[in-house]
Amino acid sequence: MEGFAIRSCALRPWNDRRIVECHEPLQALPDALLRLHPHPYVALGAPYGVEADPFRLRSGVVRRLLEAQQALQVDHPTLCFAIFDAWRPVSVQAFMVDHAIAEECERRGLTRDAPEQVEDVNAVIRDVARFWASPSMDPAMPPPHSTGAAVDLTLASVHDQRPLEMGGDIDAIGVESEPDHYLESARLKPHSVEATWQCRRDWLRKVMQGAGFEQHPNEWWHFSYGDQLWAWKSGAAQAVYAGAVDAGSPSSNAATASSPSLCT
């Protein structure tokens, strides 16, 4: 069932976008960007490898992320970004897809290997596939986080570094994760908690888009620059980031932590 579940994750509409890798390096996130510890997937045992740092992104993405946070603090000086996840190798993507399916099956009271529940389990797989990209090893369609272009983040208080309530957890499988889920509620009840959640989501989206990022259509927390999703949403002629790997890992088409940058 595990292999079937992973293979069943649907392709995305952006996977047809051409990639011309610019060989920009992965860079550790600077201290100016708050990272949420412990890293959630490392804590689950995801196979990053010895001393691998998931809090890395392409250097151009890091620069834009800092610009976005500066823009946020012009209007909201008591807020900052809180980074949930950044670079994610394909092995971790596969681990997390399987984990998400297992967790959602458990939440719905399903047994993955029960023949009489196969339709319900397949429904879980389809729902998970709306949020988790297939752990593809095809260099023509890498998962967004594997490129070092995508970041999962939220807003936090600069005073106590506690993340704000946004109306849904990061990685939640459900409609509450859609960026504008609370838009109608906010319109009808502008002083409601739902309106506050939508407002915070809008603040995050505004500053991220202002720095050149594009938002995942199903996830309020996911933004990227330079990958296929970004090219699809922005109308760019091509993506500039393929799969990114640690220096020393074998790959003929991926950027490494030591590659020179040709991006602008």
Foldseek 3Di string as FASTA:
>chain_A
DLVVLLVPQDDDPLLQFFEAAQQFAKDAQDPQEAEDPPQVLVVVVQPQDPPHDQRIAGPLLSVLQVQLQVVLCVVPVQKGKYFNTAADALSSLSVVLSVQLVVVCVVVVHDPPDPVCVVVSVVSSHLLSLPRPRSDPPQSGHGQNQQRFKTFIAMAGPPPRHGDDQQDDFSDRDQSFFLCSLVVVCVVPVPDVSVVNNVRLVSSCVSSVVSPWDARRRGSGMIGHQQSVSCVVVVPNHGHTTGEDEPPDDDDRHHYNPTDGRDD
